[in-house]
Amino acid sequence: MTRVTIFEDNKHLRETLCILINGANGFNCSGAYPNCNDMIALLKAGPCDIVLMDIEMPGMNGIEATHIIKEHFPDIHVLIQTVFFEDEYIFNAICAGASGYILKTTSPAGYLEAIADVSAGGSPMTPGIARRVMELFRNKMQPAASNDYQLTAQEKKVLQLLVEGKSYKMIATELSVAFDTVKSHIRNIYAKLHVNSGTEAVSKAIRDRIV
């Protein structure tokens, strides 16, 4: 059972997401809160695997909250969900340690797919966000010497699709391979790049011009 905690100040959206998560097989909403002011105590009292985090809330914002979560609960994945498409929000959220970044215009099915993707070790981003991330890292980070890190041709294809914001399921479909095969390739990619998450893999791929 994947436990999801929600921090969202919009009451209607917060309650809707909680109902959506509790109604999905294999998921449980372990808490839903309007702000992050008592976040540490709440997460200790109600442990979770994934935090669905809004960016703009009263008091502590979602980016600052993500920093704190990764500091105190490194095993918890944070999925940012927001209306903001601005570059600084995206860049700062990723640098804070977020595992994914989706827009609130995402469909209910898209929300569940993104949560499942994070649970499986992926880093979901809507296609528009993925393009922005590529541009951001190209502009903000000095390219290093080209290095393929001894990735196989198939691993490079998987990494390229990950950079494009594709989910594990979408990658499996595009490459006509099994879902578990994609997960195996991702594990190998993480090991070869010396990273622990999809966002780290994406940023390193762009920075070092691997794909």
N, C-alpha and C. Protein backbone atom coordinates (compact mmCIF):
# COMPACT_ATOMS: atom_id res chain seq x y z
N MET A 1 0.84 -1.19 0.00
CA MET A 1 0.00 0.00 0.00
C MET A 1 0.88 1.26 0.00
N THR A 2 0.69 2.10 -0.97
CA THR A 2 1.44 3.36 -1.05
C THR A 2 0.66 4.44 -0.31
N ARG A 3 1.31 5.02 0.70
CA ARG A 3 0.67 6.03 1.54
C ARG A 3 1.01 7.43 1.02
N VAL A 4 -0.01 8.23 0.83
CA VAL A 4 0.17 9.57 0.27
C VAL A 4 -0.38 10.62 1.24
N THR A 5 0.44 11.63 1.54
CA THR A 5 -0.01 12.75 2.36
C THR A 5 -0.10 13.99 1.48
N ILE A 6 -1.16 14.75 1.65
CA ILE A 6 -1.42 15.93 0.82
C ILE A 6 -1.26 17.21 1.63
N PHE A 7 -0.54 18.17 1.07
CA PHE A 7 -0.48 19.52 1.61
C PHE A 7 -1.00 20.46 0.53
N GLU A 8 -2.20 20.97 0.72
CA GLU A 8 -2.89 21.77 -0.30
C GLU A 8 -3.88 22.70 0.40
N ASP A 9 -3.77 24.02 0.14
CA ASP A 9 -4.62 24.96 0.86
C ASP A 9 -6.03 25.08 0.28
N ASN A 10 -6.24 24.63 -0.95
CA ASN A 10 -7.57 24.68 -1.55
C ASN A 10 -8.39 23.49 -1.01
N LYS A 11 -9.41 23.81 -0.20
CA LYS A 11 -10.16 22.76 0.50
C LYS A 11 -10.83 21.78 -0.47
N HIS A 12 -11.44 22.30 -1.51
CA HIS A 12 -12.13 21.43 -2.47
C HIS A 12 -11.14 20.49 -3.16
N LEU A 13 -10.01 21.03 -3.63
CA LEU A 13 -9.02 20.19 -4.30
C LEU A 13 -8.42 19.18 -3.33
N ARG A 14 -8.15 19.63 -2.11
CA ARG A 14 -7.57 18.74 -1.10
C ARG A 14 -8.48 17.55 -0.84
N GLU A 15 -9.76 17.82 -0.65
CA GLU A 15 -10.71 16.74 -0.37
C GLU A 15 -10.92 15.85 -1.59
N THR A 16 -10.92 16.46 -2.79
CA THR A 16 -11.09 15.69 -4.02
C THR A 16 -9.92 14.73 -4.22
N LEU A 17 -8.69 15.23 -3.98
CA LEU A 17 -7.50 14.38 -4.15
C LEU A 17 -7.49 13.25 -3.13
N CYS A 18 -7.92 13.54 -1.92
CA CYS A 18 -7.96 12.50 -0.89
C CYS A 18 -8.94 11.40 -1.28
N ILE A 19 -10.11 11.78 -1.78
CA ILE A 19 -11.11 10.80 -2.24
C ILE A 19 -10.56 9.99 -3.42
N LEU A 20 -9.89 10.68 -4.35
CA LEU A 20 -9.32 10.02 -5.53
C LEU A 20 -8.29 8.98 -5.11
N ILE A 21 -7.41 9.34 -4.20
CA ILE A 21 -6.35 8.44 -3.76
C ILE A 21 -6.92 7.26 -2.98
N ASN A 22 -7.85 7.51 -2.08
CA ASN A 22 -8.44 6.42 -1.29
C ASN A 22 -9.26 5.47 -2.15
N GLY A 23 -9.74 5.98 -3.28
CA GLY A 23 -10.54 5.14 -4.16
C GLY A 23 -9.74 4.33 -5.16
N ALA A 24 -8.44 4.54 -5.18
CA ALA A 24 -7.56 3.84 -6.13
C ALA A 24 -6.94 2.61 -5.46
N ASN A 25 -6.91 1.52 -6.16
CA ASN A 25 -6.34 0.29 -5.65
C ASN A 25 -4.86 0.45 -5.35
N GLY A 26 -4.46 0.09 -4.14
CA GLY A 26 -3.05 0.13 -3.77
C GLY A 26 -2.59 1.45 -3.20
N PHE A 27 -3.51 2.41 -3.02
CA PHE A 27 -3.14 3.73 -2.49
C PHE A 27 -3.98 4.07 -1.27
N ASN A 28 -3.40 4.85 -0.38
CA ASN A 28 -4.11 5.30 0.81
C ASN A 28 -3.69 6.73 1.13
N CYS A 29 -4.67 7.58 1.39
CA CYS A 29 -4.38 8.96 1.80
C CYS A 29 -4.17 8.95 3.31
N SER A 30 -2.93 9.15 3.73
CA SER A 30 -2.61 9.08 5.16
C SER A 30 -2.79 10.41 5.87
N GLY A 31 -3.12 11.46 5.12
CA GLY A 31 -3.36 12.76 5.73
C GLY A 31 -3.54 13.82 4.66
N ALA A 32 -4.33 14.84 4.97
CA ALA A 32 -4.55 15.94 4.03
C ALA A 32 -4.66 17.23 4.83
N TYR A 33 -3.74 18.17 4.56
CA TYR A 33 -3.61 19.35 5.41
C TYR A 33 -3.56 20.64 4.59
N PRO A 34 -4.07 21.76 5.15
CA PRO A 34 -4.13 23.02 4.41
C PRO A 34 -2.84 23.81 4.40
N ASN A 35 -1.85 23.43 5.22
CA ASN A 35 -0.57 24.13 5.25
C ASN A 35 0.51 23.21 5.82
N CYS A 36 1.75 23.71 5.81
CA CYS A 36 2.89 22.90 6.26
C CYS A 36 3.42 23.36 7.62
N ASN A 37 2.66 24.17 8.33
CA ASN A 37 3.17 24.77 9.55
C ASN A 37 3.55 23.75 10.62
N ASP A 38 2.83 22.63 10.71
CA ASP A 38 3.16 21.57 11.68
C ASP A 38 3.58 20.30 10.96
N MET A 39 4.21 20.48 9.81
CA MET A 39 4.51 19.37 8.90
C MET A 39 5.33 18.25 9.55
N ILE A 40 6.40 18.58 10.26
CA ILE A 40 7.27 17.55 10.84
C ILE A 40 6.48 16.67 11.81
N ALA A 41 5.72 17.29 12.69
CA ALA A 41 4.92 16.53 13.66
C ALA A 41 3.87 15.68 12.95
N LEU A 42 3.25 16.24 11.91
CA LEU A 42 2.21 15.52 11.19
C LEU A 42 2.78 14.29 10.48
N LEU A 43 3.96 14.44 9.88
CA LEU A 43 4.57 13.32 9.16
C LEU A 43 5.10 12.25 10.11
N LYS A 44 5.50 12.65 11.29
CA LYS A 44 5.92 11.66 12.29
C LYS A 44 4.71 10.89 12.81
N ALA A 45 3.60 11.61 13.01
CA ALA A 45 2.39 10.96 13.54
C ALA A 45 1.71 10.09 12.49
N GLY A 46 1.78 10.51 11.22
CA GLY A 46 1.16 9.76 10.14
C GLY A 46 2.15 9.52 9.01
N PRO A 47 3.01 8.50 9.13
CA PRO A 47 4.04 8.24 8.13
C PRO A 47 3.46 8.04 6.73
N CYS A 48 4.23 8.41 5.73
CA CYS A 48 3.79 8.24 4.35
C CYS A 48 4.97 7.92 3.46
N ASP A 49 4.68 7.54 2.24
CA ASP A 49 5.72 7.25 1.24
C ASP A 49 5.91 8.42 0.28
N ILE A 50 4.81 9.12 -0.01
CA ILE A 50 4.83 10.22 -0.97
C ILE A 50 4.07 11.41 -0.40
N VAL A 51 4.63 12.59 -0.58
CA VAL A 51 3.92 13.82 -0.24
C VAL A 51 3.52 14.52 -1.53
N LEU A 52 2.24 14.83 -1.65
CA LEU A 52 1.74 15.60 -2.77
C LEU A 52 1.69 17.05 -2.29
N MET A 53 2.59 17.89 -2.84
CA MET A 53 2.87 19.19 -2.26
C MET A 53 2.48 20.35 -3.18
N ASP A 54 1.65 21.24 -2.65
CA ASP A 54 1.35 22.49 -3.35
C ASP A 54 2.53 23.45 -3.12
N ILE A 55 2.74 24.40 -4.03
CA ILE A 55 3.84 25.35 -3.85
C ILE A 55 3.42 26.55 -3.01
N GLU A 56 2.31 27.19 -3.36
CA GLU A 56 1.89 28.40 -2.66
C GLU A 56 0.81 28.08 -1.63
N MET A 57 1.19 28.22 -0.35
CA MET A 57 0.26 28.00 0.76
C MET A 57 0.51 29.06 1.82
N PRO A 58 -0.45 29.30 2.71
CA PRO A 58 -0.22 30.23 3.81
C PRO A 58 0.93 29.73 4.68
N GLY A 59 1.78 30.64 5.15
CA GLY A 59 2.91 30.23 5.97
C GLY A 59 4.04 29.69 5.12
N MET A 60 4.54 28.52 5.47
CA MET A 60 5.65 27.91 4.74
C MET A 60 5.23 27.51 3.33
N ASN A 61 6.04 27.88 2.33
CA ASN A 61 5.70 27.49 0.97
C ASN A 61 6.18 26.07 0.67
N GLY A 62 5.71 25.53 -0.44
CA GLY A 62 6.00 24.14 -0.76
C GLY A 62 7.45 23.84 -1.07
N ILE A 63 8.17 24.80 -1.61
CA ILE A 63 9.58 24.57 -1.92
C ILE A 63 10.40 24.48 -0.64
N GLU A 64 10.16 25.41 0.28
CA GLU A 64 10.83 25.35 1.58
C GLU A 64 10.46 24.06 2.31
N ALA A 65 9.19 23.68 2.23
CA ALA A 65 8.74 22.45 2.89
C ALA A 65 9.43 21.22 2.29
N THR A 66 9.64 21.23 0.99
CA THR A 66 10.33 20.11 0.33
C THR A 66 11.75 19.97 0.85
N HIS A 67 12.46 21.08 0.98
CA HIS A 67 13.81 21.06 1.57
C HIS A 67 13.79 20.38 2.93
N ILE A 68 12.85 20.77 3.76
CA ILE A 68 12.78 20.26 5.12
C ILE A 68 12.42 18.78 5.14
N ILE A 69 11.48 18.38 4.29
CA ILE A 69 11.11 16.97 4.22
C ILE A 69 12.31 16.11 3.85
N LYS A 70 13.05 16.53 2.83
CA LYS A 70 14.21 15.73 2.37
C LYS A 70 15.31 15.70 3.43
N GLU A 71 15.37 16.74 4.26
CA GLU A 71 16.37 16.77 5.33
C GLU A 71 15.99 15.83 6.47
N HIS A 72 14.71 15.82 6.85
CA HIS A 72 14.26 15.02 7.99
C HIS A 72 13.75 13.63 7.60
N PHE A 73 13.20 13.51 6.39
CA PHE A 73 12.63 12.23 5.94
C PHE A 73 13.15 11.93 4.52
N PRO A 74 14.42 11.60 4.39
CA PRO A 74 15.01 11.42 3.04
C PRO A 74 14.35 10.35 2.19
N ASP A 75 13.64 9.40 2.80
CA ASP A 75 13.01 8.33 2.04
C ASP A 75 11.64 8.72 1.49
N ILE A 76 11.10 9.86 1.95
CA ILE A 76 9.81 10.31 1.44
C ILE A 76 10.01 11.03 0.11
N HIS A 77 9.22 10.67 -0.89
CA HIS A 77 9.26 11.34 -2.19
C HIS A 77 8.26 12.49 -2.20
N VAL A 78 8.66 13.61 -2.79
CA VAL A 78 7.78 14.77 -2.87
C VAL A 78 7.39 15.01 -4.33
N LEU A 79 6.10 15.01 -4.57
CA LEU A 79 5.57 15.30 -5.91
C LEU A 79 4.92 16.68 -5.85
N ILE A 80 5.50 17.64 -6.54
CA ILE A 80 4.97 18.99 -6.57
C ILE A 80 3.78 19.05 -7.51
N GLN A 81 2.69 19.69 -7.04
CA GLN A 81 1.54 19.90 -7.92
C GLN A 81 1.13 21.37 -7.76
N THR A 82 1.06 22.07 -8.88
CA THR A 82 0.92 23.52 -8.82
C THR A 82 0.29 24.10 -10.09
N VAL A 83 -0.12 25.35 -10.01
CA VAL A 83 -0.60 26.06 -11.20
C VAL A 83 0.54 26.82 -11.86
N PHE A 84 1.70 26.87 -11.20
CA PHE A 84 2.80 27.69 -11.69
C PHE A 84 3.64 27.00 -12.76
N PHE A 85 3.89 27.73 -13.84
CA PHE A 85 4.68 27.23 -14.96
C PHE A 85 5.99 28.02 -15.07
N GLU A 86 6.22 28.94 -14.09
CA GLU A 86 7.39 29.81 -14.16
C GLU A 86 8.68 29.03 -13.92
N ASP A 87 9.73 29.46 -14.63
CA ASP A 87 11.01 28.76 -14.58
C ASP A 87 11.58 28.64 -13.17
N GLU A 88 11.54 29.72 -12.39
CA GLU A 88 12.16 29.70 -11.07
C GLU A 88 11.47 28.71 -10.14
N TYR A 89 10.15 28.63 -10.23
CA TYR A 89 9.43 27.66 -9.41
C TYR A 89 9.88 26.24 -9.74
N ILE A 90 9.96 25.95 -11.04
CA ILE A 90 10.36 24.61 -11.49
C ILE A 90 11.77 24.30 -11.03
N PHE A 91 12.71 25.21 -11.31
CA PHE A 91 14.12 24.99 -10.98
C PHE A 91 14.30 24.81 -9.47
N ASN A 92 13.68 25.71 -8.68
CA ASN A 92 13.84 25.65 -7.24
C ASN A 92 13.22 24.39 -6.64
N ALA A 93 12.10 23.95 -7.21
CA ALA A 93 11.46 22.73 -6.71
C ALA A 93 12.36 21.52 -6.93
N ILE A 94 12.97 21.44 -8.10
CA ILE A 94 13.86 20.32 -8.41
C ILE A 94 15.10 20.37 -7.53
N CYS A 95 15.67 21.57 -7.37
CA CYS A 95 16.85 21.71 -6.52
C CYS A 95 16.54 21.39 -5.06
N ALA A 96 15.29 21.59 -4.65
CA ALA A 96 14.89 21.29 -3.28
C ALA A 96 14.78 19.79 -3.03
N GLY A 97 14.75 19.00 -4.10
CA GLY A 97 14.69 17.55 -3.96
C GLY A 97 13.39 16.91 -4.39
N ALA A 98 12.53 17.67 -5.07
CA ALA A 98 11.26 17.10 -5.53
C ALA A 98 11.50 15.97 -6.53
N SER A 99 10.67 14.94 -6.45
CA SER A 99 10.80 13.79 -7.35
C SER A 99 10.00 13.96 -8.64
N GLY A 100 9.15 14.97 -8.69
CA GLY A 100 8.35 15.20 -9.88
C GLY A 100 7.63 16.52 -9.77
N TYR A 101 7.08 16.99 -10.89
CA TYR A 101 6.45 18.32 -10.93
C TYR A 101 5.32 18.26 -11.94
N ILE A 102 4.09 18.32 -11.45
CA ILE A 102 2.94 18.25 -12.36
C ILE A 102 2.04 19.47 -12.14
N LEU A 103 1.28 19.80 -13.14
CA LEU A 103 0.36 20.93 -13.06
C LEU A 103 -1.00 20.47 -12.53
N LYS A 104 -1.72 21.40 -11.89
CA LYS A 104 -3.02 21.06 -11.32
C LYS A 104 -4.07 20.82 -12.40
N THR A 105 -3.74 21.14 -13.64
CA THR A 105 -4.64 20.84 -14.75
C THR A 105 -4.57 19.37 -15.16
N THR A 106 -3.65 18.62 -14.54
CA THR A 106 -3.51 17.19 -14.82
C THR A 106 -4.82 16.47 -14.49
N SER A 107 -5.20 15.51 -15.32
CA SER A 107 -6.44 14.76 -15.11
C SER A 107 -6.32 13.87 -13.87
N PRO A 108 -7.46 13.43 -13.30
CA PRO A 108 -7.41 12.51 -12.17
C PRO A 108 -6.58 11.26 -12.47
N ALA A 109 -6.76 10.70 -13.67
CA ALA A 109 -5.96 9.53 -14.06
C ALA A 109 -4.49 9.88 -14.13
N GLY A 110 -4.19 11.11 -14.60
CA GLY A 110 -2.81 11.56 -14.68
C GLY A 110 -2.18 11.72 -13.31
N TYR A 111 -2.98 12.19 -12.34
CA TYR A 111 -2.50 12.29 -10.96
C TYR A 111 -2.10 10.91 -10.43
N LEU A 112 -2.99 9.94 -10.61
CA LEU A 112 -2.72 8.59 -10.11
C LEU A 112 -1.51 7.97 -10.80
N GLU A 113 -1.39 8.22 -12.10
CA GLU A 113 -0.23 7.69 -12.83
C GLU A 113 1.06 8.33 -12.33
N ALA A 114 1.02 9.64 -12.05
CA ALA A 114 2.21 10.34 -11.55
C ALA A 114 2.60 9.82 -10.17
N ILE A 115 1.62 9.59 -9.30
CA ILE A 115 1.90 9.06 -7.96
C ILE A 115 2.48 7.65 -8.06
N ALA A 116 1.90 6.83 -8.94
CA ALA A 116 2.40 5.47 -9.14
C ALA A 116 3.82 5.49 -9.70
N ASP A 117 4.08 6.44 -10.60
CA ASP A 117 5.41 6.56 -11.20
C ASP A 117 6.43 6.92 -10.14
N VAL A 118 6.11 7.87 -9.27
CA VAL A 118 7.01 8.24 -8.18
C VAL A 118 7.25 7.06 -7.26
N SER A 119 6.18 6.32 -6.95
CA SER A 119 6.30 5.15 -6.09
C SER A 119 7.24 4.10 -6.68
N ALA A 120 7.25 4.01 -8.03
CA ALA A 120 8.11 3.03 -8.71
C ALA A 120 9.52 3.56 -8.95
N GLY A 121 9.79 4.78 -8.48
CA GLY A 121 11.13 5.34 -8.63
C GLY A 121 11.28 6.32 -9.77
N GLY A 122 10.16 6.65 -10.43
CA GLY A 122 10.22 7.58 -11.55
C GLY A 122 10.14 9.03 -11.13
N SER A 123 10.23 9.92 -12.11
CA SER A 123 10.16 11.36 -11.88
C SER A 123 9.21 11.99 -12.88
N PRO A 124 7.92 11.88 -12.64
CA PRO A 124 6.95 12.37 -13.62
C PRO A 124 6.95 13.88 -13.77
N MET A 125 6.84 14.32 -15.01
CA MET A 125 6.68 15.74 -15.31
C MET A 125 5.77 15.83 -16.51
N THR A 126 4.87 16.80 -16.53
CA THR A 126 4.06 16.99 -17.72
C THR A 126 5.01 17.39 -18.85
N PRO A 127 4.68 17.05 -20.10
CA PRO A 127 5.62 17.31 -21.21
C PRO A 127 6.12 18.75 -21.28
N GLY A 128 5.25 19.72 -21.04
CA GLY A 128 5.68 21.11 -21.09
C GLY A 128 6.71 21.42 -20.02
N ILE A 129 6.51 20.85 -18.82
CA ILE A 129 7.46 21.04 -17.73
C ILE A 129 8.79 20.40 -18.07
N ALA A 130 8.75 19.20 -18.66
CA ALA A 130 9.99 18.51 -19.03
C ALA A 130 10.82 19.36 -20.00
N ARG A 131 10.16 20.00 -20.97
CA ARG A 131 10.89 20.87 -21.90
C ARG A 131 11.51 22.05 -21.17
N ARG A 132 10.76 22.63 -20.23
CA ARG A 132 11.29 23.75 -19.46
C ARG A 132 12.51 23.32 -18.64
N VAL A 133 12.45 22.13 -18.05
CA VAL A 133 13.57 21.63 -17.26
C VAL A 133 14.83 21.51 -18.11
N MET A 134 14.67 20.97 -19.31
CA MET A 134 15.82 20.85 -20.21
C MET A 134 16.42 22.22 -20.49
N GLU A 135 15.57 23.20 -20.79
CA GLU A 135 16.05 24.55 -21.08
C GLU A 135 16.72 25.17 -19.86
N LEU A 136 16.12 24.97 -18.68
CA LEU A 136 16.66 25.55 -17.47
C LEU A 136 18.06 25.05 -17.17
N PHE A 137 18.25 23.74 -17.24
CA PHE A 137 19.55 23.21 -16.91
C PHE A 137 20.59 23.56 -17.97
N ARG A 138 20.17 23.66 -19.20
CA ARG A 138 21.10 24.08 -20.24
C ARG A 138 21.56 25.52 -20.02
N ASN A 139 20.64 26.36 -19.55
CA ASN A 139 20.96 27.77 -19.35
C ASN A 139 21.68 28.04 -18.04
N LYS A 140 21.36 27.28 -16.99
CA LYS A 140 21.86 27.58 -15.66
C LYS A 140 23.11 26.80 -15.27
N MET A 141 23.38 25.72 -15.97
CA MET A 141 24.50 24.87 -15.56
C MET A 141 25.54 24.81 -16.66
N GLN A 142 26.80 24.94 -16.28
CA GLN A 142 27.91 24.90 -17.23
C GLN A 142 28.10 23.46 -17.71
N PRO A 143 28.05 23.22 -19.01
CA PRO A 143 28.22 21.86 -19.50
C PRO A 143 29.59 21.29 -19.17
N ALA A 144 29.63 20.04 -18.78
CA ALA A 144 30.90 19.36 -18.55
C ALA A 144 31.30 18.65 -19.84
N ALA A 145 32.49 18.08 -19.81
CA ALA A 145 32.93 17.34 -20.99
C ALA A 145 31.99 16.18 -21.25
N SER A 146 31.74 15.91 -22.52
CA SER A 146 30.81 14.85 -22.88
C SER A 146 31.28 13.51 -22.31
N ASN A 147 30.36 12.75 -21.72
CA ASN A 147 30.70 11.48 -21.09
C ASN A 147 29.46 10.60 -21.15
N ASP A 148 29.59 9.41 -21.70
CA ASP A 148 28.41 8.56 -21.82
C ASP A 148 28.27 7.61 -20.64
N TYR A 149 29.21 7.65 -19.69
CA TYR A 149 29.14 6.85 -18.48
C TYR A 149 28.95 5.36 -18.78
N GLN A 150 29.40 4.95 -19.96
CA GLN A 150 29.33 3.55 -20.38
C GLN A 150 27.90 3.02 -20.40
N LEU A 151 26.97 3.90 -20.74
CA LEU A 151 25.59 3.46 -20.91
C LEU A 151 25.44 2.68 -22.21
N THR A 152 24.60 1.66 -22.18
CA THR A 152 24.32 0.92 -23.40
C THR A 152 23.41 1.76 -24.29
N ALA A 153 23.26 1.36 -25.52
CA ALA A 153 22.40 2.08 -26.45
C ALA A 153 20.96 2.13 -25.94
N GLN A 154 20.50 1.01 -25.39
CA GLN A 154 19.13 0.96 -24.87
C GLN A 154 18.97 1.84 -23.63
N GLU A 155 19.99 1.85 -22.78
CA GLU A 155 19.94 2.70 -21.59
C GLU A 155 19.90 4.17 -21.98
N LYS A 156 20.61 4.54 -23.04
CA LYS A 156 20.58 5.92 -23.53
C LYS A 156 19.19 6.28 -24.04
N LYS A 157 18.54 5.33 -24.71
CA LYS A 157 17.18 5.57 -25.19
C LYS A 157 16.22 5.79 -24.02
N VAL A 158 16.37 4.96 -22.99
CA VAL A 158 15.52 5.09 -21.80
C VAL A 158 15.77 6.44 -21.12
N LEU A 159 17.04 6.81 -21.00
CA LEU A 159 17.38 8.08 -20.37
C LEU A 159 16.84 9.26 -21.16
N GLN A 160 16.92 9.18 -22.49
CA GLN A 160 16.40 10.25 -23.33
C GLN A 160 14.89 10.42 -23.10
N LEU A 161 14.19 9.32 -23.02
CA LEU A 161 12.74 9.39 -22.79
C LEU A 161 12.43 9.90 -21.39
N LEU A 162 13.28 9.57 -20.42
CA LEU A 162 13.12 10.08 -19.07
C LEU A 162 13.30 11.60 -19.06
N VAL A 163 14.29 12.08 -19.80
CA VAL A 163 14.53 13.52 -19.93
C VAL A 163 13.33 14.22 -20.56
N GLU A 164 12.65 13.53 -21.47
CA GLU A 164 11.47 14.10 -22.14
C GLU A 164 10.22 14.07 -21.28
N GLY A 165 10.37 13.53 -20.04
CA GLY A 165 9.25 13.53 -19.11
C GLY A 165 8.33 12.33 -19.23
N LYS A 166 8.77 11.28 -19.93
CA LYS A 166 7.93 10.10 -20.11
C LYS A 166 7.91 9.26 -18.82
N SER A 167 6.77 8.68 -18.52
CA SER A 167 6.64 7.78 -17.38
C SER A 167 7.23 6.42 -17.73
N TYR A 168 7.42 5.57 -16.72
CA TYR A 168 7.93 4.22 -16.97
C TYR A 168 7.03 3.48 -17.95
N LYS A 169 5.72 3.63 -17.75
CA LYS A 169 4.75 2.94 -18.60
C LYS A 169 4.87 3.41 -20.04
N MET A 170 5.01 4.73 -20.23
CA MET A 170 5.14 5.30 -21.57
C MET A 170 6.45 4.85 -22.24
N ILE A 171 7.52 4.78 -21.45
CA ILE A 171 8.81 4.32 -21.98
C ILE A 171 8.70 2.87 -22.44
N ALA A 172 8.06 2.04 -21.62
CA ALA A 172 7.89 0.62 -21.97
C ALA A 172 7.12 0.48 -23.28
N THR A 173 6.06 1.28 -23.43
CA THR A 173 5.26 1.22 -24.66
C THR A 173 6.07 1.69 -25.86
N GLU A 174 6.79 2.80 -25.70
CA GLU A 174 7.54 3.37 -26.83
C GLU A 174 8.66 2.44 -27.29
N LEU A 175 9.30 1.75 -26.33
CA LEU A 175 10.41 0.86 -26.68
C LEU A 175 9.97 -0.59 -26.90
N SER A 176 8.67 -0.83 -26.72
CA SER A 176 8.11 -2.19 -26.88
C SER A 176 8.81 -3.21 -25.99
N VAL A 177 8.98 -2.82 -24.72
CA VAL A 177 9.58 -3.73 -23.74
C VAL A 177 8.67 -3.80 -22.52
N ALA A 178 8.95 -4.75 -21.63
CA ALA A 178 8.15 -4.91 -20.42
C ALA A 178 8.42 -3.79 -19.42
N PHE A 179 7.43 -3.51 -18.60
CA PHE A 179 7.56 -2.48 -17.56
C PHE A 179 8.75 -2.79 -16.64
N ASP A 180 8.89 -4.08 -16.26
CA ASP A 180 10.00 -4.47 -15.37
C ASP A 180 11.35 -4.29 -16.05
N THR A 181 11.38 -4.42 -17.38
CA THR A 181 12.63 -4.20 -18.11
C THR A 181 13.04 -2.75 -18.02
N VAL A 182 12.07 -1.85 -18.11
CA VAL A 182 12.35 -0.42 -17.97
C VAL A 182 12.90 -0.14 -16.58
N LYS A 183 12.28 -0.72 -15.55
CA LYS A 183 12.74 -0.51 -14.18
C LYS A 183 14.18 -1.00 -14.02
N SER A 184 14.51 -2.12 -14.66
CA SER A 184 15.87 -2.65 -14.61
C SER A 184 16.86 -1.70 -15.28
N HIS A 185 16.47 -1.16 -16.44
CA HIS A 185 17.33 -0.19 -17.12
C HIS A 185 17.53 1.05 -16.26
N ILE A 186 16.46 1.52 -15.61
CA ILE A 186 16.55 2.71 -14.77
C ILE A 186 17.52 2.47 -13.61
N ARG A 187 17.42 1.30 -12.99
CA ARG A 187 18.34 0.98 -11.89
C ARG A 187 19.79 1.01 -12.37
N ASN A 188 20.03 0.45 -13.56
CA ASN A 188 21.39 0.45 -14.11
C ASN A 188 21.87 1.87 -14.42
N ILE A 189 20.96 2.69 -14.94
CA ILE A 189 21.30 4.08 -15.25
C ILE A 189 21.67 4.83 -13.98
N TYR A 190 20.87 4.66 -12.93
CA TYR A 190 21.17 5.33 -11.65
C TYR A 190 22.55 4.93 -11.15
N ALA A 191 22.84 3.63 -11.23
CA ALA A 191 24.13 3.14 -10.73
C ALA A 191 25.30 3.72 -11.53
N LYS A 192 25.15 3.76 -12.84
CA LYS A 192 26.24 4.26 -13.69
C LYS A 192 26.43 5.77 -13.58
N LEU A 193 25.34 6.49 -13.35
CA LEU A 193 25.43 7.95 -13.22
C LEU A 193 25.71 8.38 -11.78
N HIS A 194 25.65 7.42 -10.86
CA HIS A 194 25.86 7.70 -9.43
C HIS A 194 24.81 8.69 -8.92
N VAL A 195 23.55 8.39 -9.22
CA VAL A 195 22.43 9.22 -8.76
C VAL A 195 21.41 8.33 -8.06
N ASN A 196 20.47 8.98 -7.37
CA ASN A 196 19.48 8.22 -6.61
C ASN A 196 18.04 8.51 -7.00
N SER A 197 17.85 9.40 -7.97
CA SER A 197 16.48 9.73 -8.36
C SER A 197 16.43 10.11 -9.83
N GLY A 198 15.21 10.13 -10.36
CA GLY A 198 15.02 10.50 -11.75
C GLY A 198 15.40 11.94 -12.04
N THR A 199 15.09 12.86 -11.10
CA THR A 199 15.43 14.26 -11.33
C THR A 199 16.94 14.45 -11.38
N GLU A 200 17.67 13.72 -10.54
CA GLU A 200 19.13 13.79 -10.57
C GLU A 200 19.65 13.24 -11.90
N ALA A 201 19.06 12.14 -12.36
CA ALA A 201 19.48 11.55 -13.63
C ALA A 201 19.23 12.50 -14.79
N VAL A 202 18.06 13.15 -14.79
CA VAL A 202 17.72 14.09 -15.86
C VAL A 202 18.69 15.27 -15.86
N SER A 203 18.94 15.85 -14.68
CA SER A 203 19.84 17.01 -14.63
C SER A 203 21.25 16.64 -15.05
N LYS A 204 21.72 15.45 -14.66
CA LYS A 204 23.07 15.02 -15.04
C LYS A 204 23.15 14.73 -16.53
N ALA A 205 22.08 14.15 -17.08
CA ALA A 205 22.06 13.85 -18.52
C ALA A 205 22.16 15.13 -19.33
N ILE A 206 21.46 16.17 -18.88
CA ILE A 206 21.49 17.45 -19.60
C ILE A 206 22.82 18.15 -19.38
N ARG A 207 23.26 18.20 -18.13
CA ARG A 207 24.49 18.91 -17.79
C ARG A 207 25.70 18.32 -18.50
N ASP A 208 25.78 16.98 -18.51
CA ASP A 208 26.95 16.31 -19.10
C ASP A 208 26.73 15.89 -20.56
N ARG A 209 25.61 16.36 -21.13
CA ARG A 209 25.32 16.10 -22.55
C ARG A 209 25.40 14.60 -22.89
N ILE A 210 24.77 13.80 -22.02
CA ILE A 210 24.80 12.35 -22.23
C ILE A 210 23.85 11.95 -23.35
N VAL A 211 22.72 12.67 -23.44
CA VAL A 211 21.73 12.37 -24.50
C VAL A 211 21.42 13.63 -25.27
